[in-house]
N, C-alpha and C. Protein backbone atom coordinates (compact mmCIF):
# COMPACT_ATOMS: atom_id res chain seq x y z
N MET A 1 87.42 146.65 141.63
CA MET A 1 87.54 146.51 140.22
C MET A 1 88.52 145.39 139.87
N GLY A 2 89.62 145.27 140.61
CA GLY A 2 90.63 144.24 140.39
C GLY A 2 90.08 142.84 140.62
N LYS A 3 89.23 142.72 141.68
CA LYS A 3 88.66 141.41 141.97
C LYS A 3 87.67 141.00 140.89
N ILE A 4 86.95 141.94 140.34
CA ILE A 4 85.99 141.64 139.28
C ILE A 4 86.75 141.20 138.02
N LEU A 5 87.85 141.87 137.72
CA LEU A 5 88.66 141.53 136.56
C LEU A 5 89.26 140.13 136.71
N ILE A 6 89.76 139.81 137.90
CA ILE A 6 90.32 138.47 138.15
C ILE A 6 89.21 137.42 138.03
N GLY A 7 88.03 137.70 138.50
CA GLY A 7 86.90 136.78 138.39
C GLY A 7 86.50 136.53 136.95
N ILE A 8 86.49 137.61 136.15
CA ILE A 8 86.14 137.47 134.73
C ILE A 8 87.19 136.64 133.99
N VAL A 9 88.48 136.87 134.27
CA VAL A 9 89.57 136.10 133.64
C VAL A 9 89.47 134.63 134.05
N ALA A 10 89.20 134.37 135.31
CA ALA A 10 89.07 132.99 135.77
C ALA A 10 87.89 132.32 135.09
N LEU A 11 86.80 133.01 134.95
CA LEU A 11 85.61 132.49 134.28
C LEU A 11 85.89 132.20 132.81
N LEU A 12 86.67 133.05 132.15
CA LEU A 12 87.04 132.81 130.75
C LEU A 12 87.93 131.58 130.62
N PHE A 13 88.87 131.39 131.56
CA PHE A 13 89.72 130.19 131.54
C PHE A 13 88.88 128.92 131.71
N LEU A 14 87.95 128.94 132.63
CA LEU A 14 87.09 127.78 132.84
C LEU A 14 86.23 127.50 131.61
N ALA A 15 85.66 128.55 131.02
CA ALA A 15 84.84 128.39 129.82
C ALA A 15 85.69 127.85 128.65
N GLY A 16 86.92 128.36 128.52
CA GLY A 16 87.81 127.89 127.46
C GLY A 16 88.20 126.43 127.66
N GLY A 17 88.46 126.06 128.91
CA GLY A 17 88.80 124.65 129.20
C GLY A 17 87.64 123.72 128.90
N ALA A 18 86.45 124.13 129.30
CA ALA A 18 85.27 123.31 129.03
C ALA A 18 85.01 123.22 127.54
N GLY A 19 85.18 124.31 126.82
CA GLY A 19 84.98 124.31 125.37
C GLY A 19 85.98 123.42 124.66
N SER A 20 87.24 123.48 125.08
CA SER A 20 88.25 122.62 124.44
C SER A 20 88.00 121.15 124.75
N TYR A 21 87.52 120.84 125.95
CA TYR A 21 87.18 119.44 126.28
C TYR A 21 86.10 118.93 125.34
N VAL A 22 85.05 119.73 125.17
CA VAL A 22 83.95 119.33 124.31
C VAL A 22 84.43 119.18 122.87
N PHE A 23 85.27 120.09 122.43
CA PHE A 23 85.70 120.08 121.05
C PHE A 23 86.67 118.93 120.75
N PHE A 24 87.67 118.71 121.61
CA PHE A 24 88.71 117.73 121.33
C PHE A 24 88.47 116.38 121.98
N LEU A 25 88.28 116.35 123.27
CA LEU A 25 88.24 115.09 124.00
C LEU A 25 86.93 114.36 123.88
N ALA A 26 85.82 115.05 123.78
CA ALA A 26 84.54 114.36 123.66
C ALA A 26 84.45 113.62 122.33
N GLU A 27 84.98 114.21 121.25
CA GLU A 27 84.99 113.52 119.96
C GLU A 27 85.88 112.30 120.01
N ALA A 28 87.03 112.40 120.68
CA ALA A 28 87.93 111.26 120.80
C ALA A 28 87.29 110.16 121.63
N ALA A 29 86.53 110.53 122.67
CA ALA A 29 85.86 109.52 123.49
C ALA A 29 84.79 108.81 122.68
N ASP A 30 84.09 109.53 121.80
CA ASP A 30 83.09 108.89 120.95
C ASP A 30 83.73 107.92 119.97
N GLU A 31 84.89 108.29 119.43
CA GLU A 31 85.59 107.41 118.50
C GLU A 31 86.16 106.19 119.20
N ALA A 32 86.46 106.30 120.48
CA ALA A 32 87.05 105.20 121.23
C ALA A 32 86.02 104.16 121.65
N GLN A 33 84.74 104.41 121.42
CA GLN A 33 83.71 103.44 121.77
C GLN A 33 83.98 102.17 120.97
N PRO A 34 83.90 101.02 121.60
CA PRO A 34 84.16 99.79 120.85
C PRO A 34 83.10 99.58 119.77
N ALA A 35 83.57 99.10 118.65
CA ALA A 35 82.66 98.83 117.55
C ALA A 35 81.75 97.66 117.92
N GLU A 36 80.66 97.57 117.26
CA GLU A 36 79.74 96.47 117.52
C GLU A 36 80.43 95.16 117.18
N VAL A 37 80.37 94.23 118.10
CA VAL A 37 81.05 92.95 117.94
C VAL A 37 80.25 92.09 116.97
N VAL A 38 80.93 91.65 115.93
CA VAL A 38 80.30 90.78 114.95
C VAL A 38 80.67 89.35 115.31
N ARG A 39 79.68 88.59 115.66
CA ARG A 39 79.93 87.19 116.05
C ARG A 39 79.81 86.30 114.82
N ARG A 40 80.88 85.54 114.62
CA ARG A 40 80.87 84.58 113.53
C ARG A 40 80.12 83.33 113.99
N PRO A 41 79.48 82.65 113.10
CA PRO A 41 78.83 81.40 113.50
C PRO A 41 79.89 80.38 113.93
N ALA A 42 79.50 79.50 114.81
CA ALA A 42 80.43 78.47 115.26
C ALA A 42 80.83 77.62 114.06
N PRO A 43 82.12 77.31 113.96
CA PRO A 43 82.56 76.51 112.81
C PRO A 43 82.02 75.09 112.90
N ALA A 44 81.80 74.52 111.75
CA ALA A 44 81.35 73.12 111.67
C ALA A 44 82.56 72.25 111.33
N PHE A 45 82.65 71.11 111.99
CA PHE A 45 83.74 70.17 111.77
C PHE A 45 83.16 68.83 111.35
N VAL A 46 83.84 68.20 110.40
CA VAL A 46 83.41 66.88 109.92
C VAL A 46 84.59 65.93 110.08
N PRO A 47 84.49 64.97 111.01
CA PRO A 47 85.58 64.00 111.17
C PRO A 47 85.53 62.95 110.06
N MET A 48 86.69 62.58 109.61
CA MET A 48 86.79 61.51 108.61
C MET A 48 87.07 60.20 109.35
N ASP A 49 86.81 59.09 108.67
CA ASP A 49 87.19 57.80 109.23
C ASP A 49 88.71 57.73 109.30
N PRO A 50 89.26 57.00 110.27
CA PRO A 50 90.72 56.90 110.38
C PRO A 50 91.32 56.29 109.10
N LEU A 51 92.48 56.81 108.72
CA LEU A 51 93.21 56.31 107.55
C LEU A 51 94.53 55.71 108.03
N THR A 52 94.86 54.52 107.57
CA THR A 52 96.13 53.88 107.91
C THR A 52 96.85 53.56 106.61
N LEU A 53 98.08 54.07 106.51
CA LEU A 53 98.86 53.90 105.28
C LEU A 53 100.24 53.35 105.60
N SER A 54 100.81 52.66 104.64
CA SER A 54 102.18 52.18 104.78
C SER A 54 103.13 53.28 104.32
N ALA A 55 104.21 53.43 105.07
CA ALA A 55 105.27 54.36 104.67
C ALA A 55 106.27 53.54 103.86
N ILE A 56 106.16 53.63 102.55
CA ILE A 56 106.99 52.83 101.66
C ILE A 56 108.07 53.74 101.08
N ARG A 57 109.31 53.35 101.31
CA ARG A 57 110.46 54.08 100.77
C ARG A 57 111.23 53.16 99.83
N ALA A 58 112.35 53.61 99.34
CA ALA A 58 113.14 52.83 98.36
C ALA A 58 113.58 51.50 98.93
N ASP A 59 113.84 51.43 100.25
CA ASP A 59 114.31 50.18 100.85
C ASP A 59 113.18 49.32 101.39
N GLY A 60 111.94 49.64 101.07
CA GLY A 60 110.81 48.81 101.49
C GLY A 60 109.89 49.55 102.45
N VAL A 61 109.06 48.77 103.12
CA VAL A 61 108.10 49.35 104.05
C VAL A 61 108.82 49.73 105.34
N ARG A 62 108.73 50.98 105.72
CA ARG A 62 109.38 51.45 106.94
C ARG A 62 108.45 51.44 108.14
N GLY A 63 107.16 51.50 107.89
CA GLY A 63 106.22 51.52 109.01
C GLY A 63 104.81 51.81 108.55
N LEU A 64 103.95 51.93 109.54
CA LEU A 64 102.56 52.27 109.29
C LEU A 64 102.27 53.62 109.94
N VAL A 65 101.47 54.42 109.27
CA VAL A 65 101.10 55.73 109.80
C VAL A 65 99.58 55.83 109.76
N GLY A 66 99.01 56.10 110.94
CA GLY A 66 97.57 56.26 111.05
C GLY A 66 97.21 57.73 111.22
N PHE A 67 96.20 58.16 110.50
CA PHE A 67 95.77 59.56 110.54
C PHE A 67 94.31 59.64 110.97
N ARG A 68 94.01 60.58 111.85
CA ARG A 68 92.63 60.99 112.13
C ARG A 68 92.54 62.44 111.68
N ILE A 69 91.77 62.65 110.63
CA ILE A 69 91.68 63.96 109.99
C ILE A 69 90.27 64.52 110.19
N VAL A 70 90.22 65.82 110.46
CA VAL A 70 88.94 66.51 110.62
C VAL A 70 88.92 67.67 109.62
N LEU A 71 87.80 67.81 108.93
CA LEU A 71 87.63 68.90 107.98
C LEU A 71 86.89 70.04 108.68
N GLU A 72 87.48 71.23 108.66
CA GLU A 72 86.81 72.42 109.17
C GLU A 72 86.13 73.10 107.99
N LEU A 73 84.83 73.29 108.11
CA LEU A 73 84.06 73.84 107.00
C LEU A 73 84.05 75.36 107.05
N ALA A 74 83.89 75.97 105.89
CA ALA A 74 83.78 77.42 105.81
C ALA A 74 82.47 77.86 106.44
N ASP A 75 82.39 79.12 106.82
CA ASP A 75 81.19 79.68 107.45
C ASP A 75 79.96 79.42 106.59
N GLY A 76 78.92 78.96 107.25
CA GLY A 76 77.65 78.75 106.56
C GLY A 76 77.53 77.43 105.83
N ARG A 77 78.55 76.60 105.85
CA ARG A 77 78.49 75.31 105.15
C ARG A 77 77.99 74.24 106.11
N SER A 78 77.23 73.31 105.57
CA SER A 78 76.62 72.26 106.37
C SER A 78 77.45 70.97 106.30
N PRO A 79 77.57 70.26 107.44
CA PRO A 79 78.26 68.97 107.40
C PRO A 79 77.58 67.97 106.47
N LEU A 80 76.27 68.06 106.32
CA LEU A 80 75.57 67.14 105.42
C LEU A 80 76.02 67.32 103.98
N GLU A 81 76.35 68.54 103.63
CA GLU A 81 76.81 68.87 102.29
C GLU A 81 78.13 68.16 101.98
N VAL A 82 78.96 67.96 103.00
CA VAL A 82 80.28 67.37 102.81
C VAL A 82 80.24 65.85 102.98
N LYS A 83 79.40 65.35 103.86
CA LYS A 83 79.39 63.91 104.15
C LYS A 83 79.06 63.06 102.93
N GLN A 84 78.26 63.58 102.02
CA GLN A 84 77.94 62.80 100.83
C GLN A 84 79.15 62.64 99.90
N TRP A 85 80.15 63.50 100.06
CA TRP A 85 81.36 63.44 99.25
C TRP A 85 82.49 62.68 99.95
N MET A 86 82.24 62.12 101.13
CA MET A 86 83.31 61.52 101.92
C MET A 86 84.08 60.41 101.20
N PRO A 87 83.46 59.51 100.43
CA PRO A 87 84.26 58.51 99.71
C PRO A 87 85.29 59.13 98.77
N ARG A 88 84.94 60.22 98.11
CA ARG A 88 85.89 60.89 97.22
C ARG A 88 86.99 61.59 98.00
N PHE A 89 86.62 62.18 99.16
CA PHE A 89 87.64 62.78 100.02
C PHE A 89 88.65 61.72 100.46
N GLU A 90 88.15 60.59 100.93
CA GLU A 90 89.05 59.53 101.42
C GLU A 90 89.96 59.04 100.30
N ASP A 91 89.43 58.84 99.12
CA ASP A 91 90.25 58.39 97.99
C ASP A 91 91.33 59.41 97.66
N ALA A 92 90.95 60.68 97.57
CA ALA A 92 91.93 61.72 97.23
C ALA A 92 92.97 61.87 98.34
N PHE A 93 92.55 61.79 99.59
CA PHE A 93 93.48 61.96 100.71
C PHE A 93 94.42 60.78 100.83
N VAL A 94 93.94 59.56 100.60
CA VAL A 94 94.82 58.39 100.66
C VAL A 94 95.89 58.49 99.57
N THR A 95 95.49 58.87 98.38
CA THR A 95 96.45 59.01 97.28
C THR A 95 97.50 60.06 97.60
N GLU A 96 97.05 61.21 98.11
CA GLU A 96 97.97 62.31 98.41
C GLU A 96 98.89 61.97 99.57
N LEU A 97 98.34 61.39 100.64
CA LEU A 97 99.17 61.03 101.79
C LEU A 97 100.17 59.92 101.45
N ALA A 98 99.76 58.97 100.63
CA ALA A 98 100.69 57.90 100.23
C ALA A 98 101.87 58.48 99.46
N SER A 99 101.62 59.45 98.61
CA SER A 99 102.73 60.06 97.86
C SER A 99 103.64 60.85 98.80
N LEU A 100 103.07 61.49 99.82
CA LEU A 100 103.89 62.24 100.77
C LEU A 100 104.68 61.33 101.70
N LEU A 101 104.12 60.16 102.02
CA LEU A 101 104.83 59.22 102.90
C LEU A 101 106.01 58.56 102.18
N ALA A 102 106.06 58.63 100.85
CA ALA A 102 107.16 58.03 100.09
C ALA A 102 108.39 58.94 100.04
N VAL A 103 108.27 60.15 100.56
CA VAL A 103 109.37 61.12 100.51
C VAL A 103 110.24 60.98 101.76
N ASP A 104 111.57 61.03 101.58
CA ASP A 104 112.49 61.07 102.73
C ASP A 104 112.58 62.51 103.21
N TRP A 105 111.83 62.84 104.25
CA TRP A 105 111.80 64.21 104.77
C TRP A 105 113.03 64.50 105.60
N PRO A 106 113.52 65.72 105.57
CA PRO A 106 114.65 66.09 106.43
C PRO A 106 114.28 65.86 107.90
N GLY A 107 115.19 65.35 108.66
CA GLY A 107 114.93 65.07 110.07
C GLY A 107 114.36 63.68 110.30
N GLY A 108 114.08 62.95 109.24
CA GLY A 108 113.63 61.57 109.38
C GLY A 108 112.18 61.40 109.78
N GLY A 109 111.39 62.46 109.81
CA GLY A 109 109.98 62.35 110.17
C GLY A 109 109.18 61.66 109.08
N PRO A 110 107.99 61.19 109.41
CA PRO A 110 107.20 60.48 108.41
C PRO A 110 106.61 61.40 107.35
N ILE A 111 106.37 62.70 107.73
CA ILE A 111 105.69 63.59 106.80
C ILE A 111 105.88 65.03 107.25
N ASP A 112 105.85 65.97 106.33
CA ASP A 112 105.86 67.39 106.67
C ASP A 112 104.40 67.83 106.72
N PHE A 113 103.91 68.16 107.92
CA PHE A 113 102.48 68.41 108.10
C PHE A 113 102.01 69.71 107.45
N ASP A 114 102.86 70.70 107.35
CA ASP A 114 102.45 71.93 106.67
C ASP A 114 102.21 71.68 105.18
N ILE A 115 103.10 70.94 104.58
CA ILE A 115 102.94 70.59 103.15
C ILE A 115 101.74 69.68 102.98
N ALA A 116 101.58 68.71 103.88
CA ALA A 116 100.45 67.79 103.79
C ALA A 116 99.13 68.53 103.93
N ARG A 117 99.04 69.45 104.87
CA ARG A 117 97.79 70.21 105.07
C ARG A 117 97.46 71.03 103.82
N ALA A 118 98.46 71.67 103.24
CA ALA A 118 98.23 72.49 102.04
C ALA A 118 97.77 71.62 100.87
N ARG A 119 98.39 70.47 100.72
CA ARG A 119 98.02 69.59 99.60
C ARG A 119 96.66 68.95 99.80
N LEU A 120 96.32 68.59 101.05
CA LEU A 120 94.99 68.03 101.31
C LEU A 120 93.90 69.08 101.13
N LEU A 121 94.20 70.31 101.49
CA LEU A 121 93.24 71.39 101.27
C LEU A 121 93.02 71.60 99.77
N ARG A 122 94.09 71.54 99.01
CA ARG A 122 93.97 71.65 97.55
C ARG A 122 93.15 70.49 96.98
N GLU A 123 93.37 69.29 97.52
CA GLU A 123 92.59 68.13 97.06
C GLU A 123 91.11 68.27 97.43
N SER A 124 90.84 68.83 98.60
CA SER A 124 89.43 69.02 98.99
C SER A 124 88.76 70.02 98.07
N GLU A 125 89.49 71.04 97.63
CA GLU A 125 88.92 72.00 96.67
C GLU A 125 88.67 71.33 95.32
N ARG A 126 89.53 70.41 94.96
CA ARG A 126 89.33 69.68 93.71
C ARG A 126 88.11 68.77 93.79
N VAL A 127 87.89 68.16 94.96
CA VAL A 127 86.78 67.22 95.12
C VAL A 127 85.43 67.93 95.18
N ILE A 128 85.32 68.97 96.03
CA ILE A 128 84.01 69.56 96.31
C ILE A 128 83.89 71.01 95.86
N GLY A 129 85.00 71.65 95.54
CA GLY A 129 84.95 73.04 95.09
C GLY A 129 85.60 73.98 96.09
N ILE A 130 85.89 75.18 95.64
CA ILE A 130 86.56 76.19 96.46
C ILE A 130 85.56 76.82 97.41
N GLY A 131 85.99 77.04 98.66
CA GLY A 131 85.17 77.75 99.63
C GLY A 131 84.26 76.88 100.47
N VAL A 132 84.41 75.57 100.39
CA VAL A 132 83.59 74.68 101.22
C VAL A 132 84.39 74.25 102.45
N VAL A 133 85.60 73.75 102.24
CA VAL A 133 86.47 73.33 103.35
C VAL A 133 87.44 74.47 103.64
N ALA A 134 87.42 74.94 104.89
CA ALA A 134 88.29 76.05 105.28
C ALA A 134 89.66 75.58 105.72
N ASN A 135 89.74 74.39 106.32
CA ASN A 135 91.03 73.90 106.83
C ASN A 135 90.96 72.39 106.98
N VAL A 136 92.12 71.76 106.89
CA VAL A 136 92.25 70.33 107.13
C VAL A 136 93.08 70.18 108.40
N LEU A 137 92.50 69.53 109.41
CA LEU A 137 93.16 69.41 110.70
C LEU A 137 93.59 67.97 110.95
N PHE A 138 94.81 67.81 111.44
CA PHE A 138 95.29 66.50 111.85
C PHE A 138 94.97 66.34 113.33
N GLU A 139 93.95 65.58 113.62
CA GLU A 139 93.54 65.39 115.02
C GLU A 139 94.50 64.45 115.73
N GLN A 140 94.94 63.42 115.02
CA GLN A 140 95.85 62.45 115.63
C GLN A 140 96.67 61.79 114.52
N VAL A 141 97.94 61.58 114.80
CA VAL A 141 98.83 60.86 113.89
C VAL A 141 99.60 59.84 114.71
N GLN A 142 99.55 58.60 114.30
CA GLN A 142 100.30 57.55 115.00
C GLN A 142 101.26 56.92 114.00
N VAL A 143 102.50 56.76 114.46
CA VAL A 143 103.54 56.16 113.61
C VAL A 143 104.00 54.88 114.28
N ARG A 144 103.99 53.80 113.51
CA ARG A 144 104.50 52.52 113.99
C ARG A 144 105.62 52.09 113.06
N ILE A 145 106.83 52.10 113.59
CA ILE A 145 107.99 51.74 112.78
C ILE A 145 108.13 50.24 112.80
N LEU A 146 108.33 49.66 111.60
CA LEU A 146 108.47 48.20 111.48
C LEU A 146 109.93 47.80 111.44
């Protein structure tokens, strides 16, 4: 009789353990499944023609600064949509960069790139509208001190 009682108690422990696994851990394992990966389309980039500007300060021309700028387009935007506006982009960017090159930046650098990127992005929104250009990238900057 004692062995039967021990067997029944052991069987109840095993059944309880299996039941708690199903109730608690199986639900957690289902929740831990990775969500379906949403792939974004590859970003489109539109390179601009190189821009060369004079760094003019109060004491005259300090040097020349060349920029290679690339426009990163928002998802779903076509490079063809932006290329037709390129003359206006170049005009707006030259005006904005020339005004930034006239500032004496702390540390003696030719330009503050964070401020320049923000202002060029704002200019791109003014030229073509909000939501077309996602970012303005400085691919290359060359400074020639005179």
